[in-house]
Structure formats: structure tokens, C-alpha cells
Amino acid sequence: MSIKQDCYALVQEIVVKRDVFCRCPGCSNLAGAGHHLFKRDRMATAFDTRYVIGVCVECHEWARAEKNEFTDWVISWLGEEYWEALRLSNTTVKHQDFKQIRDNLKQELGKYK
């Protein structure tokens, strides 16, 4: 596994342990995955656990299939922070120190063990 893949796996582990239950509206299932609120391709928010939520399998499918409905819910949930996070997520990051990111994520994970 590459260091970058390790970072993604740590994000998933953190979010599932942090949230325990699915954070989608009206759901009380156990969280089984982390869903990134913003695209990961530009990397600015890819490893920021503030913008990843724990979801169950059904709600993960809902979030992917009903993107507009999910986004509307995220906006109502995050409020003004959504717009700042969206701006950040649209920032392209070309060089990441994945070793440092991994170390930071491991430290964050320690809070939930």
C-alpha cells in the first residue's frame, strides 16, 4: 500500500470511529464508511476529516446517487462553513507531504482508540 493509500485508509478509520452512527438525516445505522463531502481530486480537503462524514452503506449510495439532494443537506448542515470549505476544496494542491499527513492522521486516530 502506498503512503497516499494509507492516508485514505486512515481517514476512513478515523471517521467511522469518530461518528459511530451514520450522520445522514433520519438514519441511525452504524457508520461503515467515510464519505468525502467534496471531490478529492484537487487534494485540498482529501485528508481533512472535518469534510468526511461517517455513513452507512445505504446512505453512501444515496449520497452518490442523489448528489443535489445530498449537497442541499450538507449546505443546511454546515451553513456558512460549506462555502469556505467548497472554496478550499477547489484549490489544487500539487505537492503533499504524505508522510506528514499520515503522521497527523495517526495522531488524530489515537483520540478515538
N, C-alpha and C. Protein backbone atom coordinates (compact mmCIF):
# COMPACT_ATOMS: atom_id res chain seq x y z
N MET A 1 0.85 -1.18 0.00
CA MET A 1 0.00 0.00 0.00
C MET A 1 0.90 1.24 0.00
N SER A 2 0.59 2.21 -0.84
CA SER A 2 1.36 3.44 -0.88
C SER A 2 1.03 4.30 0.33
N ILE A 3 1.87 5.27 0.60
CA ILE A 3 1.62 6.19 1.72
C ILE A 3 0.31 6.94 1.49
N LYS A 4 0.04 7.34 0.26
CA LYS A 4 -1.20 8.05 -0.05
C LYS A 4 -2.40 7.16 0.24
N GLN A 5 -2.35 5.90 -0.18
CA GLN A 5 -3.45 4.97 0.09
C GLN A 5 -3.61 4.74 1.59
N ASP A 6 -2.50 4.70 2.30
CA ASP A 6 -2.53 4.56 3.75
C ASP A 6 -3.25 5.75 4.38
N CYS A 7 -3.02 6.95 3.84
CA CYS A 7 -3.69 8.15 4.34
C CYS A 7 -5.20 8.06 4.12
N TYR A 8 -5.61 7.61 2.95
CA TYR A 8 -7.04 7.44 2.69
C TYR A 8 -7.65 6.42 3.65
N ALA A 9 -6.94 5.32 3.89
CA ALA A 9 -7.45 4.29 4.81
C ALA A 9 -7.55 4.85 6.23
N LEU A 10 -6.60 5.66 6.64
CA LEU A 10 -6.66 6.27 7.97
C LEU A 10 -7.84 7.22 8.09
N VAL A 11 -8.11 7.99 7.06
CA VAL A 11 -9.27 8.89 7.08
C VAL A 11 -10.54 8.07 7.30
N GLN A 12 -10.67 6.98 6.57
CA GLN A 12 -11.85 6.12 6.72
C GLN A 12 -11.96 5.59 8.15
N GLU A 13 -10.86 5.12 8.69
CA GLU A 13 -10.87 4.56 10.04
C GLU A 13 -11.23 5.63 11.07
N ILE A 14 -10.67 6.81 10.94
CA ILE A 14 -10.96 7.90 11.87
C ILE A 14 -12.44 8.25 11.85
N VAL A 15 -12.98 8.42 10.66
CA VAL A 15 -14.36 8.89 10.52
C VAL A 15 -15.35 7.86 11.07
N VAL A 16 -15.12 6.60 10.80
CA VAL A 16 -16.02 5.56 11.28
C VAL A 16 -15.97 5.47 12.82
N LYS A 17 -14.77 5.60 13.37
CA LYS A 17 -14.64 5.57 14.83
C LYS A 17 -15.20 6.84 15.46
N ARG A 18 -14.99 7.96 14.84
CA ARG A 18 -15.47 9.25 15.37
C ARG A 18 -16.99 9.32 15.36
N ASP A 19 -17.59 8.98 14.22
CA ASP A 19 -19.03 9.19 14.07
C ASP A 19 -19.87 8.03 14.61
N VAL A 20 -19.36 6.85 14.58
CA VAL A 20 -20.03 5.62 15.03
C VAL A 20 -21.32 5.35 14.24
N PHE A 21 -22.26 6.31 14.27
CA PHE A 21 -23.53 6.15 13.57
C PHE A 21 -23.56 7.03 12.31
N CYS A 22 -24.31 6.60 11.33
CA CYS A 22 -24.47 7.35 10.09
C CYS A 22 -24.96 8.76 10.39
N ARG A 23 -24.34 9.74 9.77
CA ARG A 23 -24.69 11.14 10.04
C ARG A 23 -25.75 11.69 9.09
N CYS A 24 -26.21 10.88 8.17
CA CYS A 24 -27.22 11.35 7.23
C CYS A 24 -28.55 11.55 7.96
N PRO A 25 -29.34 12.47 7.44
CA PRO A 25 -30.59 12.81 8.14
C PRO A 25 -31.54 11.62 8.26
N GLY A 26 -32.03 11.42 9.48
CA GLY A 26 -33.01 10.38 9.72
C GLY A 26 -32.47 8.97 9.81
N CYS A 27 -31.17 8.80 9.76
CA CYS A 27 -30.58 7.46 9.77
C CYS A 27 -29.90 7.22 11.12
N SER A 28 -30.03 6.00 11.61
CA SER A 28 -29.36 5.64 12.86
C SER A 28 -28.56 4.34 12.72
N ASN A 29 -28.27 3.96 11.48
CA ASN A 29 -27.44 2.78 11.24
C ASN A 29 -26.00 3.06 11.65
N LEU A 30 -25.24 2.01 11.86
CA LEU A 30 -23.81 2.17 12.14
C LEU A 30 -23.10 2.71 10.91
N ALA A 31 -22.16 3.59 11.11
CA ALA A 31 -21.35 4.10 10.01
C ALA A 31 -20.37 3.02 9.60
N GLY A 32 -20.32 2.75 8.31
CA GLY A 32 -19.41 1.72 7.81
C GLY A 32 -18.37 2.28 6.86
N ALA A 33 -18.53 3.54 6.50
CA ALA A 33 -17.60 4.17 5.55
C ALA A 33 -17.59 5.66 5.78
N GLY A 34 -16.54 6.27 5.30
CA GLY A 34 -16.45 7.73 5.31
C GLY A 34 -16.80 8.26 3.93
N HIS A 35 -17.63 9.27 3.88
CA HIS A 35 -17.99 9.88 2.60
C HIS A 35 -17.41 11.29 2.56
N HIS A 36 -16.58 11.54 1.56
CA HIS A 36 -16.00 12.87 1.38
C HIS A 36 -17.08 13.83 0.89
N LEU A 37 -17.20 14.96 1.56
CA LEU A 37 -18.21 15.94 1.18
C LEU A 37 -17.84 16.67 -0.10
N PHE A 38 -16.56 16.67 -0.43
CA PHE A 38 -16.07 17.35 -1.62
C PHE A 38 -15.18 16.39 -2.41
N LYS A 39 -15.04 16.67 -3.69
CA LYS A 39 -14.17 15.84 -4.52
C LYS A 39 -12.76 15.82 -3.96
N ARG A 40 -12.12 14.70 -4.13
CA ARG A 40 -10.76 14.53 -3.59
C ARG A 40 -9.69 14.86 -4.62
N ASP A 41 -10.05 15.05 -5.86
CA ASP A 41 -9.06 15.12 -6.94
C ASP A 41 -8.08 16.28 -6.83
N ARG A 42 -8.46 17.37 -6.22
CA ARG A 42 -7.53 18.51 -6.10
C ARG A 42 -6.75 18.48 -4.80
N MET A 43 -7.08 17.54 -3.95
CA MET A 43 -6.34 17.18 -2.75
C MET A 43 -6.44 18.16 -1.57
N ALA A 44 -7.01 19.33 -1.73
CA ALA A 44 -7.01 20.31 -0.64
C ALA A 44 -7.80 19.86 0.58
N THR A 45 -8.87 19.10 0.38
CA THR A 45 -9.66 18.62 1.52
C THR A 45 -9.68 17.09 1.60
N ALA A 46 -8.90 16.43 0.80
CA ALA A 46 -8.95 14.97 0.73
C ALA A 46 -8.64 14.30 2.06
N PHE A 47 -7.77 14.88 2.86
CA PHE A 47 -7.36 14.26 4.12
C PHE A 47 -7.78 15.08 5.33
N ASP A 48 -8.72 15.99 5.12
CA ASP A 48 -9.25 16.83 6.21
C ASP A 48 -10.52 16.16 6.72
N THR A 49 -10.44 15.54 7.86
CA THR A 49 -11.55 14.75 8.37
C THR A 49 -12.77 15.59 8.74
N ARG A 50 -12.62 16.90 8.78
CA ARG A 50 -13.79 17.76 9.01
C ARG A 50 -14.77 17.65 7.85
N TYR A 51 -14.25 17.26 6.69
CA TYR A 51 -15.08 17.22 5.48
C TYR A 51 -15.30 15.80 4.97
N VAL A 52 -15.29 14.88 5.91
CA VAL A 52 -15.62 13.48 5.63
C VAL A 52 -16.57 13.06 6.76
N ILE A 53 -17.69 12.42 6.39
CA ILE A 53 -18.64 12.01 7.41
C ILE A 53 -18.85 10.50 7.37
N GLY A 54 -19.15 9.95 8.53
CA GLY A 54 -19.46 8.54 8.62
C GLY A 54 -20.86 8.29 8.10
N VAL A 55 -20.97 7.30 7.21
CA VAL A 55 -22.27 6.94 6.64
C VAL A 55 -22.42 5.43 6.58
N CYS A 56 -23.66 4.98 6.54
CA CYS A 56 -23.93 3.56 6.33
C CYS A 56 -23.91 3.28 4.82
N VAL A 57 -23.96 2.03 4.45
CA VAL A 57 -23.91 1.64 3.03
C VAL A 57 -25.07 2.27 2.25
N GLU A 58 -26.28 2.20 2.81
CA GLU A 58 -27.45 2.74 2.11
C GLU A 58 -27.34 4.24 1.88
N CYS A 59 -26.91 4.97 2.90
CA CYS A 59 -26.79 6.42 2.75
C CYS A 59 -25.61 6.81 1.86
N HIS A 60 -24.58 5.98 1.83
CA HIS A 60 -23.47 6.23 0.93
C HIS A 60 -23.96 6.15 -0.52
N GLU A 61 -24.78 5.16 -0.78
CA GLU A 61 -25.38 5.04 -2.12
C GLU A 61 -26.28 6.24 -2.42
N TRP A 62 -27.07 6.67 -1.42
CA TRP A 62 -27.94 7.84 -1.59
C TRP A 62 -27.11 9.08 -1.91
N ALA A 63 -26.02 9.28 -1.17
CA ALA A 63 -25.18 10.47 -1.38
C ALA A 63 -24.59 10.49 -2.78
N ARG A 64 -24.26 9.34 -3.30
CA ARG A 64 -23.70 9.26 -4.65
C ARG A 64 -24.78 9.39 -5.73
N ALA A 65 -25.93 8.79 -5.49
CA ALA A 65 -27.00 8.77 -6.50
C ALA A 65 -27.78 10.08 -6.54
N GLU A 66 -27.96 10.69 -5.38
CA GLU A 66 -28.76 11.92 -5.27
C GLU A 66 -27.86 13.08 -4.86
N LYS A 67 -26.90 13.39 -5.72
CA LYS A 67 -25.87 14.38 -5.38
C LYS A 67 -26.46 15.74 -5.01
N ASN A 68 -27.46 16.20 -5.76
CA ASN A 68 -28.04 17.51 -5.47
C ASN A 68 -28.76 17.52 -4.13
N GLU A 69 -29.52 16.49 -3.85
CA GLU A 69 -30.23 16.39 -2.57
C GLU A 69 -29.23 16.29 -1.42
N PHE A 70 -28.18 15.50 -1.61
CA PHE A 70 -27.16 15.36 -0.58
C PHE A 70 -26.45 16.69 -0.35
N THR A 71 -26.11 17.37 -1.43
CA THR A 71 -25.43 18.67 -1.30
C THR A 71 -26.31 19.67 -0.58
N ASP A 72 -27.59 19.69 -0.89
CA ASP A 72 -28.51 20.60 -0.19
C ASP A 72 -28.51 20.31 1.31
N TRP A 73 -28.50 19.04 1.66
CA TRP A 73 -28.45 18.68 3.08
C TRP A 73 -27.13 19.13 3.71
N VAL A 74 -26.01 18.93 3.02
CA VAL A 74 -24.71 19.33 3.55
C VAL A 74 -24.67 20.84 3.76
N ILE A 75 -25.21 21.61 2.81
CA ILE A 75 -25.25 23.07 2.95
C ILE A 75 -26.06 23.46 4.18
N SER A 76 -27.20 22.84 4.37
CA SER A 76 -28.03 23.18 5.53
C SER A 76 -27.35 22.77 6.83
N TRP A 77 -26.59 21.69 6.79
CA TRP A 77 -25.91 21.19 7.98
C TRP A 77 -24.69 22.04 8.33
N LEU A 78 -23.85 22.35 7.33
CA LEU A 78 -22.62 23.11 7.58
C LEU A 78 -22.85 24.62 7.62
N GLY A 79 -23.90 25.09 6.99
CA GLY A 79 -24.15 26.53 6.96
C GLY A 79 -23.06 27.26 6.18
N GLU A 80 -22.65 28.40 6.70
CA GLU A 80 -21.66 29.24 6.01
C GLU A 80 -20.32 28.53 5.82
N GLU A 81 -20.00 27.60 6.71
CA GLU A 81 -18.73 26.87 6.59
C GLU A 81 -18.66 26.10 5.27
N TYR A 82 -19.82 25.71 4.75
CA TYR A 82 -19.84 24.98 3.48
C TYR A 82 -19.13 25.76 2.38
N TRP A 83 -19.42 27.04 2.29
CA TRP A 83 -18.89 27.85 1.18
C TRP A 83 -17.38 28.03 1.30
N GLU A 84 -16.88 28.19 2.51
CA GLU A 84 -15.44 28.28 2.71
C GLU A 84 -14.77 26.93 2.39
N ALA A 85 -15.39 25.85 2.82
CA ALA A 85 -14.85 24.52 2.54
C ALA A 85 -14.88 24.22 1.04
N LEU A 86 -15.95 24.63 0.37
CA LEU A 86 -16.04 24.43 -1.08
C LEU A 86 -14.93 25.19 -1.79
N ARG A 87 -14.69 26.43 -1.37
CA ARG A 87 -13.60 27.21 -1.97
C ARG A 87 -12.27 26.51 -1.74
N LEU A 88 -12.04 26.04 -0.53
CA LEU A 88 -10.81 25.32 -0.23
C LEU A 88 -10.70 24.06 -1.08
N SER A 89 -11.80 23.33 -1.21
CA SER A 89 -11.76 22.07 -1.96
C SER A 89 -11.44 22.28 -3.43
N ASN A 90 -11.70 23.47 -3.93
CA ASN A 90 -11.40 23.77 -5.34
C ASN A 90 -9.97 24.26 -5.55
N THR A 91 -9.20 24.30 -4.49
CA THR A 91 -7.79 24.68 -4.57
C THR A 91 -6.98 23.46 -4.97
N THR A 92 -6.17 23.59 -5.99
CA THR A 92 -5.33 22.48 -6.42
C THR A 92 -4.04 22.47 -5.60
N VAL A 93 -3.75 21.33 -5.01
CA VAL A 93 -2.53 21.15 -4.24
C VAL A 93 -1.66 20.18 -5.03
N LYS A 94 -0.50 20.65 -5.44
CA LYS A 94 0.35 19.83 -6.30
C LYS A 94 1.33 18.96 -5.54
N HIS A 95 1.78 19.43 -4.40
CA HIS A 95 2.79 18.68 -3.65
C HIS A 95 2.30 18.49 -2.22
N GLN A 96 2.15 17.23 -1.84
CA GLN A 96 1.71 16.89 -0.50
C GLN A 96 2.82 16.09 0.19
N ASP A 97 2.99 16.35 1.46
CA ASP A 97 3.91 15.55 2.27
C ASP A 97 3.09 14.43 2.91
N PHE A 98 2.94 13.31 2.20
CA PHE A 98 2.08 12.24 2.66
C PHE A 98 2.59 11.61 3.96
N LYS A 99 3.87 11.64 4.19
CA LYS A 99 4.40 11.12 5.45
C LYS A 99 3.89 11.98 6.61
N GLN A 100 3.91 13.29 6.45
CA GLN A 100 3.43 14.19 7.49
C GLN A 100 1.91 14.05 7.66
N ILE A 101 1.20 13.94 6.55
CA ILE A 101 -0.25 13.75 6.61
C ILE A 101 -0.57 12.45 7.35
N ARG A 102 0.15 11.38 7.02
CA ARG A 102 -0.06 10.11 7.69
C ARG A 102 0.21 10.22 9.18
N ASP A 103 1.29 10.88 9.56
CA ASP A 103 1.61 11.06 10.98
C ASP A 103 0.49 11.82 11.70
N ASN A 104 -0.01 12.88 11.06
CA ASN A 104 -1.08 13.68 11.65
C ASN A 104 -2.37 12.86 11.79
N LEU A 105 -2.67 12.06 10.78
CA LEU A 105 -3.87 11.23 10.83
C LEU A 105 -3.74 10.15 11.91
N LYS A 106 -2.56 9.58 12.06
CA LYS A 106 -2.35 8.57 13.11
C LYS A 106 -2.54 9.20 14.49
N GLN A 107 -2.08 10.41 14.63
CA GLN A 107 -2.25 11.12 15.91
C GLN A 107 -3.75 11.39 16.15
N GLU A 108 -4.46 11.80 15.12
CA GLU A 108 -5.90 12.04 15.25
C GLU A 108 -6.62 10.74 15.60
N LEU A 109 -6.25 9.65 14.95
CA LEU A 109 -6.88 8.35 15.21
C LEU A 109 -6.70 7.95 16.67
N GLY A 110 -5.55 8.30 17.25
CA GLY A 110 -5.29 7.98 18.66
C GLY A 110 -6.34 8.55 19.60
N LYS A 111 -7.01 9.62 19.23
CA LYS A 111 -8.05 10.22 20.06
C LYS A 111 -9.28 9.31 20.17
N TYR A 112 -9.45 8.40 19.21
CA TYR A 112 -10.65 7.59 19.16
C TYR A 112 -10.42 6.14 19.53
N LYS A 113 -9.23 5.79 19.94
CA LYS A 113 -8.93 4.40 20.32
C LYS A 113 -9.09 4.21 21.80
